[in-house]
PDB file of N, CA and C in Angstrom:
ATOM      1  N   MET A   1      42.141 -23.814  70.985  1.00  0.00           N
ATOM      2  CA  MET A   1      42.262 -22.349  70.743  1.00  0.00           C
ATOM      3  C   MET A   1      42.965 -22.290  69.885  1.00  0.00           C
ATOM      4  N   ASN A   2      42.767 -21.569  68.849  1.00  0.00           N
ATOM      5  CA  ASN A   2      42.912 -21.392  67.294  1.00  0.00           C
ATOM      6  C   ASN A   2      43.737 -19.779  68.344  1.00  0.00           C
ATOM      7  N   LEU A   3      45.036 -20.046  67.676  1.00  0.00           N
ATOM      8  CA  LEU A   3      46.016 -18.739  67.859  1.00  0.00           C
ATOM      9  C   LEU A   3      47.120 -18.620  66.572  1.00  0.00           C
ATOM     10  N   ALA A   4      46.696 -17.942  65.581  1.00  0.00           N
ATOM     11  CA  ALA A   4      47.373 -17.992  64.312  1.00  0.00           C
ATOM     12  C   ALA A   4      48.480 -16.891  64.338  1.00  0.00           C
ATOM     13  N   ASN A   5      48.074 -15.594  65.254  1.00  0.00           N
ATOM     14  CA  ASN A   5      49.128 -14.508  64.951  1.00  0.00           C
ATOM     15  C   ASN A   5      49.247 -14.083  66.503  1.00  0.00           C
ATOM     16  N   CYS A   6      50.572 -13.778  66.874  1.00  0.00           N
ATOM     17  CA  CYS A   6      51.072 -13.373  67.872  1.00  0.00           C
ATOM     18  C   CYS A   6      50.135 -12.210  68.831  1.00  0.00           C
ATOM     19  N   PRO A   7      49.886 -12.502  69.883  1.00  0.00           N
ATOM     20  CA  PRO A   7      48.830 -11.595  70.621  1.00  0.00           C
ATOM     21  C   PRO A   7      49.460  -9.995  71.361  1.00  0.00           C
ATOM     22  N   ILE A   8      50.942 -10.206  70.815  1.00  0.00           N
ATOM     23  CA  ILE A   8      51.334  -8.904  71.110  1.00  0.00           C
ATOM     24  C   ILE A   8      51.878  -8.002  69.826  1.00  0.00           C
ATOM     25  N   CYS A   9      52.720  -8.701  68.852  1.00  0.00           N
ATOM     26  CA  CYS A   9      53.244  -8.212  67.485  1.00  0.00           C
ATOM     27  C   CYS A   9      52.119  -7.943  66.841  1.00  0.00           C
ATOM     28  N   LYS A  10      51.406  -9.198  66.562  1.00  0.00           N
ATOM     29  CA  LYS A  10      50.140  -9.615  65.380  1.00  0.00           C
ATOM     30  C   LYS A  10      50.930 -10.173  64.132  1.00  0.00           C
ATOM     31  N   GLN A  11      52.108 -10.587  64.377  1.00  0.00           N
ATOM     32  CA  GLN A  11      53.062 -11.601  63.343  1.00  0.00           C
ATOM     33  C   GLN A  11      52.269 -12.957  63.465  1.00  0.00           C
ATOM     34  N   GLU A  12      52.306 -13.482  61.788  1.00  0.00           N
ATOM     35  CA  GLU A  12      51.867 -14.960  62.361  1.00  0.00           C
ATOM     36  C   GLU A  12      52.832 -15.681  63.083  1.00  0.00           C
ATOM     37  N   LEU A  13      52.189 -16.635  63.844  1.00  0.00           N
ATOM     38  CA  LEU A  13      52.994 -17.640  64.460  1.00  0.00           C
ATOM     39  C   LEU A  13      52.975 -18.531  63.489  1.00  0.00           C
ATOM     40  N   LEU A  14      54.344 -19.435  64.071  1.00  0.00           N
ATOM     41  CA  LEU A  14      54.813 -20.364  63.146  1.00  0.00           C
ATOM     42  C   LEU A  14      55.141 -21.919  64.292  1.00  0.00           C
ATOM     43  N   VAL A  15      54.466 -22.942  63.974  1.00  0.00           N
ATOM     44  CA  VAL A  15      54.226 -23.993  64.644  1.00  0.00           C
ATOM     45  C   VAL A  15      55.556 -24.532  64.836  1.00  0.00           C
ATOM     46  N   LYS A  16      56.297 -24.887  65.900  1.00  0.00           N
ATOM     47  CA  LYS A  16      57.107 -25.634  66.161  1.00  0.00           C
ATOM     48  C   LYS A  16      57.397 -26.789  66.829  1.00  0.00           C
ATOM     49  N   GLU A  17      56.091 -26.813  67.430  1.00  0.00           N
ATOM     50  CA  GLU A  17      55.909 -28.176  67.966  1.00  0.00           C
ATOM     51  C   GLU A  17      54.389 -29.079  68.350  1.00  0.00           C
ATOM     52  N   TYR A  18      54.339 -30.344  68.087  1.00  0.00           N
ATOM     53  CA  TYR A  18      52.870 -31.009  68.497  1.00  0.00           C
ATOM     54  C   TYR A  18      53.260 -32.050  69.480  1.00  0.00           C
ATOM     55  N   HIS A  19      52.225 -31.996  70.033  1.00  0.00           N
ATOM     56  CA  HIS A  19      52.490 -32.722  71.412  1.00  0.00           C
ATOM     57  C   HIS A  19      51.203 -33.761  71.523  1.00  0.00           C
ATOM     58  N   CYS A  20      51.415 -34.895  72.000  1.00  0.00           N
ATOM     59  CA  CYS A  20      50.000 -35.934  72.151  1.00  0.00           C
ATOM     60  C   CYS A  20      50.194 -36.201  73.631  1.00  0.00           C
ATOM     61  N   PRO A  21      48.825 -35.596  74.444  1.00  0.00           N
ATOM     62  CA  PRO A  21      48.919 -35.699  75.567  1.00  0.00           C
ATOM     63  C   PRO A  21      48.854 -37.375  76.362  1.00  0.00           C
ATOM     64  N   ALA A  22      47.930 -37.905  75.182  1.00  0.00           N
ATOM     65  CA  ALA A  22      47.945 -39.610  75.633  1.00  0.00           C
ATOM     66  C   ALA A  22      48.777 -40.398  75.854  1.00  0.00           C
ATOM     67  N   CYS A  23      50.084 -40.285  74.476  1.00  0.00           N
ATOM     68  CA  CYS A  23      51.158 -41.101  75.099  1.00  0.00           C
ATOM     69  C   CYS A  23      52.255 -39.896  75.341  1.00  0.00           C
ATOM     70  N   GLU A  24      52.299 -38.657  75.577  1.00  0.00           N
ATOM     71  CA  GLU A  24      53.725 -37.897  75.950  1.00  0.00           C
ATOM     72  C   GLU A  24      54.527 -37.920  74.778  1.00  0.00           C
ATOM     73  N   VAL A  25      54.127 -38.065  73.680  1.00  0.00           N
ATOM     74  CA  VAL A  25      55.252 -37.955  72.709  1.00  0.00           C
ATOM     75  C   VAL A  25      54.919 -36.730  71.887  1.00  0.00           C
ATOM     76  N   SER A  26      56.263 -35.812  71.902  1.00  0.00           N
ATOM     77  CA  SER A  26      56.521 -34.546  70.964  1.00  0.00           C
ATOM     78  C   SER A  26      57.047 -34.725  69.608  1.00  0.00           C
ATOM     79  N   PHE A  27      56.856 -34.039  69.130  1.00  0.00           N
ATOM     80  CA  PHE A  27      57.517 -33.749  67.571  1.00  0.00           C
ATOM     81  C   PHE A  27      58.113 -32.260  67.474  1.00  0.00           C
ATOM     82  N   LYS A  28      59.138 -31.899  67.266  1.00  0.00           N
ATOM     83  CA  LYS A  28      59.332 -30.726  67.163  1.00  0.00           C
ATOM     84  C   LYS A  28      60.175 -30.357  65.764  1.00  0.00           C
ATOM     85  N   GLY A  29      59.866 -29.357  65.396  1.00  0.00           N
ATOM     86  CA  GLY A  29      60.438 -29.120  64.059  1.00  0.00           C
ATOM     87  C   GLY A  29      59.693 -27.915  63.424  1.00  0.00           C
ATOM     88  N   SER A  30      59.723 -27.478  62.334  1.00  0.00           N
ATOM     89  CA  SER A  30      59.331 -26.484  61.522  1.00  0.00           C
ATOM     90  C   SER A  30      57.844 -27.099  60.845  1.00  0.00           C
ATOM     91  N   PHE A  31      56.640 -26.614  61.241  1.00  0.00           N
ATOM     92  CA  PHE A  31      55.663 -27.109  60.707  1.00  0.00           C
ATOM     93  C   PHE A  31      54.295 -26.403  59.666  1.00  0.00           C
ATOM     94  N   SER A  32      54.434 -26.708  58.563  1.00  0.00           N
ATOM     95  CA  SER A  32      53.474 -25.772  58.163  1.00  0.00           C
ATOM     96  C   SER A  32      51.930 -25.666  58.103  1.00  0.00           C
ATOM     97  N   ARG A  33      51.297 -24.544  58.653  1.00  0.00           N
ATOM     98  CA  ARG A  33      49.724 -24.665  58.986  1.00  0.00           C
ATOM     99  C   ARG A  33      49.054 -24.862  57.685  1.00  0.00           C
ATOM    100  N   ASN A  34      47.692 -25.404  58.346  1.00  0.00           N
ATOM    101  CA  ASN A  34      46.599 -25.563  57.407  1.00  0.00           C
ATOM    102  C   ASN A  34      45.959 -24.389  57.175  1.00  0.00           C
ATOM    103  N   TRP A  35      45.723 -24.107  55.898  1.00  0.00           N
ATOM    104  CA  TRP A  35      44.804 -22.698  55.100  1.00  0.00           C
ATOM    105  C   TRP A  35      43.979 -22.146  56.007  1.00  0.00           C
ATOM    106  N   LEU A  36      43.410 -23.170  56.366  1.00  0.00           N
ATOM    107  CA  LEU A  36      42.226 -22.348  57.832  1.00  0.00           C
ATOM    108  C   LEU A  36      42.444 -22.555  58.991  1.00  0.00           C
ATOM    109  N   GLU A  37      43.672 -22.262  59.369  1.00  0.00           N
ATOM    110  CA  GLU A  37      44.377 -21.906  60.549  1.00  0.00           C
ATOM    111  C   GLU A  37      44.326 -20.118  60.370  1.00  0.00           C
ATOM    112  N   GLY A  38      44.639 -19.585  59.469  1.00  0.00           N
ATOM    113  CA  GLY A  38      44.356 -18.216  59.257  1.00  0.00           C
ATOM    114  C   GLY A  38      43.709 -17.437  59.452  1.00  0.00           C
ATOM    115  N   PHE A  39      42.539 -18.193  59.866  1.00  0.00           N
ATOM    116  CA  PHE A  39      41.045 -17.302  60.138  1.00  0.00           C
ATOM    117  C   PHE A  39      40.977 -17.607  61.550  1.00  0.00           C
ATOM    118  N   SER A  40      40.000 -16.210  61.650  1.00  0.00           N
ATOM    119  CA  SER A  40      39.487 -15.915  63.260  1.00  0.00           C
ATOM    120  C   SER A  40      38.218 -17.006  63.172  1.00  0.00           C
ATOM    121  N   ALA A  41      37.976 -17.219  64.679  1.00  0.00           N
ATOM    122  CA  ALA A  41      36.682 -17.770  64.910  1.00  0.00           C
ATOM    123  C   ALA A  41      35.126 -17.431  64.121  1.00  0.00           C
ATOM    124  N   SER A  42      35.382 -16.042  64.012  1.00  0.00           N
ATOM    125  CA  SER A  42      34.301 -15.147  63.487  1.00  0.00           C
ATOM    126  C   SER A  42      34.110 -16.031  61.622  1.00  0.00           C
ATOM    127  N   GLN A  43      35.300 -15.529  61.262  1.00  0.00           N
ATOM    128  CA  GLN A  43      35.530 -15.594  60.061  1.00  0.00           C
ATOM    129  C   GLN A  43      35.177 -17.269  59.254  1.00  0.00           C
ATOM    130  N   LEU A  44      35.469 -18.305  60.397  1.00  0.00           N
ATOM    131  CA  LEU A  44      35.126 -19.655  60.039  1.00  0.00           C
ATOM    132  C   LEU A  44      33.614 -19.651  60.178  1.00  0.00           C
ATOM    133  N   GLU A  45      33.090 -19.192  61.320  1.00  0.00           N
ATOM    134  CA  GLU A  45      31.444 -19.652  61.367  1.00  0.00           C
ATOM    135  C   GLU A  45      31.072 -18.605  59.724  1.00  0.00           C
ATOM    136  N   PHE A  46      31.753 -17.528  59.625  1.00  0.00           N
ATOM    137  CA  PHE A  46      30.865 -17.123  58.253  1.00  0.00           C
ATOM    138  C   PHE A  46      31.461 -17.982  56.978  1.00  0.00           C
ATOM    139  N   ILE A  47      32.194 -18.523  56.809  1.00  0.00           N
ATOM    140  CA  ILE A  47      32.789 -19.414  55.621  1.00  0.00           C
ATOM    141  C   ILE A  47      31.641 -20.556  56.009  1.00  0.00           C
ATOM    142  N   LYS A  48      31.262 -21.297  57.159  1.00  0.00           N
ATOM    143  CA  LYS A  48      30.897 -22.520  57.410  1.00  0.00           C
ATOM    144  C   LYS A  48      29.324 -21.967  57.118  1.00  0.00           C
ATOM    145  N   LEU A  49      28.607 -20.625  57.294  1.00  0.00           N
ATOM    146  CA  LEU A  49      27.615 -20.493  57.213  1.00  0.00           C
ATOM    147  C   LEU A  49      27.237 -20.109  55.390  1.00  0.00           C
ATOM    148  N   PHE A  50      28.252 -19.631  54.945  1.00  0.00           N
ATOM    149  CA  PHE A  50      28.358 -19.297  53.443  1.00  0.00           C
ATOM    150  C   PHE A  50      27.887 -20.839  52.813  1.00  0.00           C
ATOM    151  N   LEU A  51      28.802 -21.877  53.107  1.00  0.00           N
ATOM    152  CA  LEU A  51      29.051 -22.878  52.239  1.00  0.00           C
ATOM    153  C   LEU A  51      27.439 -23.871  52.626  1.00  0.00           C
ATOM    154  N   LEU A  52      27.013 -23.586  53.792  1.00  0.00           N
ATOM    155  CA  LEU A  52      25.979 -24.012  54.215  1.00  0.00           C
ATOM    156  C   LEU A  52      24.535 -23.453  53.236  1.00  0.00           C
ATOM    157  N   VAL A  53      24.594 -22.308  53.208  1.00  0.00           N
ATOM    158  CA  VAL A  53      23.746 -21.273  52.207  1.00  0.00           C
ATOM    159  C   VAL A  53      24.040 -21.144  50.858  1.00  0.00           C
ATOM    160  N   GLN A  54      25.065 -22.452  50.334  1.00  0.00           N
ATOM    161  CA  GLN A  54      25.814 -22.663  48.962  1.00  0.00           C
ATOM    162  C   GLN A  54      26.196 -21.476  48.006  1.00  0.00           C
ATOM    163  N   GLY A  55      26.672 -20.640  49.020  1.00  0.00           N
ATOM    164  CA  GLY A  55      27.376 -19.372  48.336  1.00  0.00           C
ATOM    165  C   GLY A  55      26.073 -18.318  48.193  1.00  0.00           C
ATOM    166  N   ASN A  56      24.984 -18.058  48.350  1.00  0.00           N
ATOM    167  CA  ASN A  56      23.785 -17.052  48.095  1.00  0.00           C
ATOM    168  C   ASN A  56      23.980 -16.020  49.162  1.00  0.00           C
ATOM    169  N   LEU A  57      24.800 -15.309  48.750  1.00  0.00           N
ATOM    170  CA  LEU A  57      25.049 -13.626  48.983  1.00  0.00           C
ATOM    171  C   LEU A  57      23.522 -13.187  49.817  1.00  0.00           C
ATOM    172  N   LYS A  58      22.666 -13.476  49.271  1.00  0.00           N
ATOM    173  CA  LYS A  58      21.346 -12.653  49.612  1.00  0.00           C
ATOM    174  C   LYS A  58      20.853 -13.666  51.010  1.00  0.00           C
ATOM    175  N   GLU A  59      20.782 -14.516  50.842  1.00  0.00           N
ATOM    176  CA  GLU A  59      20.610 -15.584  52.023  1.00  0.00           C
ATOM    177  C   GLU A  59      21.660 -15.290  53.231  1.00  0.00           C
ATOM    178  N   LEU A  60      22.861 -15.266  52.554  1.00  0.00           N
ATOM    179  CA  LEU A  60      23.756 -14.938  53.882  1.00  0.00           C
ATOM    180  C   LEU A  60      23.554 -13.865  54.785  1.00  0.00           C
ATOM    181  N   GLN A  61      23.210 -12.714  53.972  1.00  0.00           N
ATOM    182  CA  GLN A  61      22.869 -11.002  54.152  1.00  0.00           C
ATOM    183  C   GLN A  61      21.590 -11.626  55.137  1.00  0.00           C
ATOM    184  N   LYS A  62      20.622 -12.015  54.909  1.00  0.00           N
ATOM    185  CA  LYS A  62      19.404 -12.417  55.333  1.00  0.00           C
ATOM    186  C   LYS A  62      19.624 -13.230  56.978  1.00  0.00           C
ATOM    187  N   ARG A  63      20.431 -14.378  56.600  1.00  0.00           N
ATOM    188  CA  ARG A  63      20.722 -15.071  57.833  1.00  0.00           C
ATOM    189  C   ARG A  63      21.693 -14.288  59.050  1.00  0.00           C
ATOM    190  N   LEU A  64      22.402 -13.752  58.441  1.00  0.00           N
ATOM    191  CA  LEU A  64      23.179 -12.880  59.672  1.00  0.00           C
ATOM    192  C   LEU A  64      22.632 -11.670  59.687  1.00  0.00           C
ATOM    193  N   GLY A  65      21.925 -10.773  59.413  1.00  0.00           N
ATOM    194  CA  GLY A  65      21.084  -9.679  59.586  1.00  0.00           C
ATOM    195  C   GLY A  65      21.892  -8.325  59.136  1.00  0.00           C
ATOM    196  N   ILE A  66      22.706  -8.607  58.341  1.00  0.00           N
ATOM    197  CA  ILE A  66      23.741  -7.655  58.152  1.00  0.00           C
ATOM    198  C   ILE A  66      23.731  -7.119  56.878  1.00  0.00           C
ATOM    199  N   SER A  67      24.176  -5.827  56.268  1.00  0.00           N
ATOM    200  CA  SER A  67      24.019  -5.325  54.720  1.00  0.00           C
ATOM    201  C   SER A  67      24.646  -6.473  53.792  1.00  0.00           C
ATOM    202  N   TYR A  68      24.476  -5.950  52.645  1.00  0.00           N
ATOM    203  CA  TYR A  68      25.060  -6.898  51.272  1.00  0.00           C
ATOM    204  C   TYR A  68      26.364  -6.451  51.390  1.00  0.00           C
ATOM    205  N   PRO A  69      26.953  -4.988  51.405  1.00  0.00           N
ATOM    206  CA  PRO A  69      28.168  -4.475  51.483  1.00  0.00           C
ATOM    207  C   PRO A  69      29.027  -4.877  52.711  1.00  0.00           C
ATOM    208  N   THR A  70      28.211  -5.040  53.709  1.00  0.00           N
ATOM    209  CA  THR A  70      29.226  -5.770  54.779  1.00  0.00           C
ATOM    210  C   THR A  70      29.718  -7.233  54.390  1.00  0.00           C
ATOM    211  N   VAL A  71      28.260  -8.090  53.831  1.00  0.00           N
ATOM    212  CA  VAL A  71      28.992  -9.452  53.680  1.00  0.00           C
ATOM    213  C   VAL A  71      29.823  -9.632  52.290  1.00  0.00           C
ATOM    214  N   LYS A  72      30.160  -8.620  51.630  1.00  0.00           N
ATOM    215  CA  LYS A  72      30.829  -8.508  50.379  1.00  0.00           C
ATOM    216  C   LYS A  72      31.832  -8.083  51.166  1.00  0.00           C
ATOM    217  N   SER A  73      32.324  -7.205  52.191  1.00  0.00           N
ATOM    218  CA  SER A  73      33.467  -6.707  52.759  1.00  0.00           C
ATOM    219  C   SER A  73      33.893  -8.364  53.475  1.00  0.00           C
ATOM    220  N   ARG A  74      33.542  -8.817  54.527  1.00  0.00           N
ATOM    221  CA  ARG A  74      33.969  -9.835  54.976  1.00  0.00           C
ATOM    222  C   ARG A  74      34.483 -11.146  54.348  1.00  0.00           C
ATOM    223  N   LEU A  75      33.380 -11.248  53.015  1.00  0.00           N
ATOM    224  CA  LEU A  75      33.801 -12.023  52.212  1.00  0.00           C
ATOM    225  C   LEU A  75      35.276 -11.874  51.448  1.00  0.00           C
ATOM    226  N   GLY A  76      35.829 -10.592  51.271  1.00  0.00           N
ATOM    227  CA  GLY A  76      36.382 -10.084  50.498  1.00  0.00           C
ATOM    228  C   GLY A  76      38.037 -10.202  51.529  1.00  0.00           C
ATOM    229  N   GLU A  77      37.607  -9.917  52.981  1.00  0.00           N
ATOM    230  CA  GLU A  77      38.756 -10.242  53.739  1.00  0.00           C
ATOM    231  C   GLU A  77      39.134 -11.688  53.623  1.00  0.00           C
ATOM    232  N   ILE A  78      38.094 -12.500  54.047  1.00  0.00           N
ATOM    233  CA  ILE A  78      38.382 -14.033  53.833  1.00  0.00           C
ATOM    234  C   ILE A  78      39.483 -14.496  52.283  1.00  0.00           C
ATOM    235  N   ILE A  79      38.580 -14.059  51.030  1.00  0.00           N
ATOM    236  CA  ILE A  79      39.751 -14.094  49.971  1.00  0.00           C
ATOM    237  C   ILE A  79      40.911 -13.459  50.124  1.00  0.00           C
ATOM    238  N   SER A  80      41.182 -12.533  50.733  1.00  0.00           N
ATOM    239  CA  SER A  80      42.629 -11.744  50.846  1.00  0.00           C
ATOM    240  C   SER A  80      43.143 -12.664  51.483  1.00  0.00           C
ATOM    241  N   ILE A  81      42.670 -13.540  52.586  1.00  0.00           N
ATOM    242  CA  ILE A  81      43.760 -14.391  53.471  1.00  0.00           C
ATOM    243  C   ILE A  81      44.102 -15.727  52.750  1.00  0.00           C
ATOM    244  N   ILE A  82      42.872 -16.419  51.779  1.00  0.00           N
ATOM    245  CA  ILE A  82      43.397 -17.302  50.684  1.00  0.00           C
ATOM    246  C   ILE A  82      44.334 -16.941  49.770  1.00  0.00           C
ATOM    247  N   SER A  83      44.279 -15.666  49.498  1.00  0.00           N
ATOM    248  CA  SER A  83      44.724 -15.089  48.252  1.00  0.00           C
ATOM    249  C   SER A  83      46.574 -14.629  48.755  1.00  0.00           C
ATOM    250  N   ARG A  84      46.864 -14.799  49.935  1.00  0.00           N
ATOM    251  CA  ARG A  84      48.211 -14.467  50.207  1.00  0.00           C
ATOM    252  C   ARG A  84      49.068 -15.744  49.782  1.00  0.00           C
ATOM    253  N   GLU A  85      48.444 -17.076  49.568  1.00  0.00           N
ATOM    254  CA  GLU A  85      49.469 -18.135  49.241  1.00  0.00           C
ATOM    255  C   GLU A  85      48.883 -18.511  47.660  1.00  0.00           C
ATOM    256  N   TYR A  86      47.941 -18.195  47.521  1.00  0.00           N
ATOM    257  CA  TYR A  86      47.097 -18.774  46.123  1.00  0.00           C
ATOM    258  C   TYR A  86      47.096 -17.413  44.991  1.00  0.00           C
ATOM    259  N   GLN A  87      47.324 -16.808  44.073  1.00  0.00           N
ATOM    260  CA  GLN A  87      47.088 -15.681  43.374  1.00  0.00           C
ATOM    261  C   GLN A  87      47.233 -16.001  42.150  1.00  0.00           C
ATOM    262  N   PRO A  88      46.348 -16.563  41.278  1.00  0.00           N
ATOM    263  CA  PRO A  88      46.748 -16.962  39.944  1.00  0.00           C
ATOM    264  C   PRO A  88      46.627 -15.442  38.971  1.00  0.00           C
ATOM    265  N   GLU A  89      47.190 -15.277  37.875  1.00  0.00           N
ATOM    266  CA  GLU A  89      47.509 -14.257  37.405  1.00  0.00           C
ATOM    267  C   GLU A  89      46.125 -14.117  36.508  1.00  0.00           C
ATOM    268  N   ASP A  90      45.753 -12.533  36.666  1.00  0.00           N
ATOM    269  CA  ASP A  90      44.637 -12.139  35.617  1.00  0.00           C
ATOM    270  C   ASP A  90      43.249 -12.941  36.230  1.00  0.00           C
ATOM    271  N   ASP A  91      43.158 -13.275  37.051  1.00  0.00           N
ATOM    272  CA  ASP A  91      41.914 -13.677  37.811  1.00  0.00           C
ATOM    273  C   ASP A  91      40.937 -12.977  37.990  1.00  0.00           C
ATOM    274  N   PHE A  92      39.605 -12.376  37.197  1.00  0.00           N
ATOM    275  CA  PHE A  92      38.705 -11.807  37.447  1.00  0.00           C
ATOM    276  C   PHE A  92      37.580 -12.558  37.482  1.00  0.00           C
ATOM    277  N   GLY A  93      37.287 -13.493  37.627  1.00  0.00           N
ATOM    278  CA  GLY A  93      36.203 -14.273  37.428  1.00  0.00           C
ATOM    279  C   GLY A  93      35.040 -13.654  38.442  1.00  0.00           C
ATOM    280  N   ASP A  94      35.627 -13.354  39.753  1.00  0.00           N
ATOM    281  CA  ASP A  94      34.626 -12.885  40.841  1.00  0.00           C
ATOM    282  C   ASP A  94      34.222 -11.697  40.267  1.00  0.00           C
ATOM    283  N   ILE A  95      35.084 -10.507  39.760  1.00  0.00           N
ATOM    284  CA  ILE A  95      34.533  -9.170  39.512  1.00  0.00           C
ATOM    285  C   ILE A  95      33.211  -9.318  38.029  1.00  0.00           C
ATOM    286  N   LEU A  96      33.461 -10.395  37.184  1.00  0.00           N
ATOM    287  CA  LEU A  96      32.817 -10.711  36.279  1.00  0.00           C
ATOM    288  C   LEU A  96      31.387 -11.270  36.912  1.00  0.00           C
ATOM    289  N   SER A  97      31.577 -12.024  38.093  1.00  0.00           N
ATOM    290  CA  SER A  97      30.305 -12.791  38.454  1.00  0.00           C
ATOM    291  C   SER A  97      29.466 -11.404  38.889  1.00  0.00           C
ATOM    292  N   ASP A  98      30.075 -10.580  39.409  1.00  0.00           N
ATOM    293  CA  ASP A  98      29.310  -9.613  39.864  1.00  0.00           C
ATOM    294  C   ASP A  98      28.911  -8.792  39.245  1.00  0.00           C
ATOM    295  N   LEU A  99      29.636  -8.494  38.068  1.00  0.00           N
ATOM    296  CA  LEU A  99      28.853  -7.792  36.930  1.00  0.00           C
ATOM    297  C   LEU A  99      27.861  -8.576  36.325  1.00  0.00           C
ATOM    298  N   GLU A 100      27.867  -9.899  35.612  1.00  0.00           N
ATOM    299  CA  GLU A 100      26.709 -10.649  35.494  1.00  0.00           C
ATOM    300  C   GLU A 100      25.664 -10.686  36.124  1.00  0.00           C
ATOM    301  N   THR A 101      25.839 -10.285  37.525  1.00  0.00           N
ATOM    302  CA  THR A 101      24.704 -10.917  38.678  1.00  0.00           C
ATOM    303  C   THR A 101      23.991  -9.237  38.455  1.00  0.00           C
ATOM    304  N   GLY A 102      24.427  -8.332  38.216  1.00  0.00           N
ATOM    305  CA  GLY A 102      24.010  -7.015  38.066  1.00  0.00           C
ATOM    306  C   GLY A 102      24.424  -5.856  39.672  1.00  0.00           C
ATOM    307  N   PHE A 103      25.513  -6.731  40.707  1.00  0.00           N
ATOM    308  CA  PHE A 103      25.488  -5.923  41.899  1.00  0.00           C
ATOM    309  C   PHE A 103      27.034  -4.848  41.452  1.00  0.00           C
ATOM    310  N   ILE A 104      27.208  -4.854  40.254  1.00  0.00           N
ATOM    311  CA  ILE A 104      28.313  -3.499  39.899  1.00  0.00           C
ATOM    312  C   ILE A 104      28.105  -3.460  38.300  1.00  0.00           C
ATOM    313  N   ASP A 105      28.240  -2.382  38.060  1.00  0.00           N
ATOM    314  CA  ASP A 105      27.837  -1.958  36.523  1.00  0.00           C
ATOM    315  C   ASP A 105      29.624  -1.996  36.023  1.00  0.00           C
ATOM    316  N   VAL A 106      29.463  -1.558  34.650  1.00  0.00           N
ATOM    317  CA  VAL A 106      30.759  -1.732  33.887  1.00  0.00           C
ATOM    318  C   VAL A 106      31.914  -1.023  34.371  1.00  0.00           C
ATOM    319  N   ASP A 107      31.487   0.326  34.641  1.00  0.00           N
ATOM    320  CA  ASP A 107      32.453   1.247  34.996  1.00  0.00           C
ATOM    321  C   ASP A 107      32.940   0.393  36.349  1.00  0.00           C
ATOM    322  N   GLU A 108      32.113  -0.008  37.548  1.00  0.00           N
ATOM    323  CA  GLU A 108      32.901  -0.503  38.500  1.00  0.00           C
ATOM    324  C   GLU A 108      33.981  -1.331  38.171  1.00  0.00           C
ATOM    325  N   ALA A 109      32.944  -2.358  37.033  1.00  0.00           N
ATOM    326  CA  ALA A 109      34.117  -3.512  37.175  1.00  0.00           C
ATOM    327  C   ALA A 109      35.448  -3.211  36.370  1.00  0.00           C
ATOM    328  N   ILE A 110      35.636  -2.646  35.462  1.00  0.00           N
ATOM    329  CA  ILE A 110      36.924  -1.779  35.024  1.00  0.00           C
ATOM    330  C   ILE A 110      37.679  -1.006  35.753  1.00  0.00           C
ATOM    331  N   ASP A 111      37.230  -0.630  36.705  1.00  0.00           N
ATOM    332  CA  ASP A 111      37.894  -0.053  37.636  1.00  0.00           C
ATOM    333  C   ASP A 111      38.325  -0.831  38.821  1.00  0.00           C
ATOM    334  N   MET A 112      37.573  -1.879  39.441  1.00  0.00           N
ATOM    335  CA  MET A 112      38.150  -2.888  40.035  1.00  0.00           C
ATOM    336  C   MET A 112      39.156  -3.774  39.379  1.00  0.00           C
ATOM    337  N   ILE A 113      39.456  -4.264  37.858  1.00  0.00           N
ATOM    338  CA  ILE A 113      40.266  -4.551  37.380  1.00  0.00           C
ATOM    339  C   ILE A 113      41.521  -3.906  36.910  1.00  0.00           C
ATOM    340  N   GLN A 114      41.348  -2.686  37.117  1.00  0.00           N
ATOM    341  CA  GLN A 114      42.496  -1.859  37.037  1.00  0.00           C
ATOM    342  C   GLN A 114      43.195  -1.615  38.011  1.00  0.00           C
ATOM    343  N   ARG A 115      42.510  -1.659  39.547  1.00  0.00           N
ATOM    344  CA  ARG A 115      43.050  -1.703  40.823  1.00  0.00           C
ATOM    345  C   ARG A 115      43.838  -2.857  41.177  1.00  0.00           C
ATOM    346  N   ARG A 116      43.478  -4.153  40.837  1.00  0.00           N
ATOM    347  CA  ARG A 116      43.620  -5.406  41.036  1.00  0.00           C
ATOM    348  C   ARG A 116      45.044  -5.488  40.549  1.00  0.00           C
ATOM    349  N   ARG A 117      44.834  -5.087  38.963  1.00  0.00           N
ATOM    350  CA  ARG A 117      46.104  -5.094  38.191  1.00  0.00           C
ATOM    351  C   ARG A 117      47.541  -4.240  38.630  1.00  0.00           C
ATOM    352  N   GLU A 118      46.990  -3.159  39.238  1.00  0.00           N
ATOM    353  CA  GLU A 118      48.207  -2.438  39.431  1.00  0.00           C
ATOM    354  C   GLU A 118      48.610  -2.734  41.069  1.00  0.00           C
ATOM    355  N   SER A 119      47.898  -3.611  41.723  1.00  0.00           N
ATOM    356  CA  SER A 119      48.495  -3.913  43.140  1.00  0.00           C
ATOM    357  C   SER A 119      49.379  -5.952  43.049  1.00  0.00           C
TER     358      SER A 119
END
């Protein structure tokens, strides 16, 4: 069972104990979580499929049977989770990539960059 957030208040859970059922040894303390533990089961499945299609969003859209904006939205949620711990300054590679491939136009790219700088 992957339980990343409290089912009651939705705050991030902290790992305080690890236990081995084979030898009955327990380790207590404050342990950091693996970055993958912040994802739900459906997000992990999305990431797995994303890797299997080698990041091809059109293929991902086709395999999941969802619209391109929905694929982008789900990918954005995943990036947001990853970015909580890692946020390089002025990294606009994803926006520039979308601009280069024609998924967004120049005005949309400028707007997205400005919004990211304000947040």
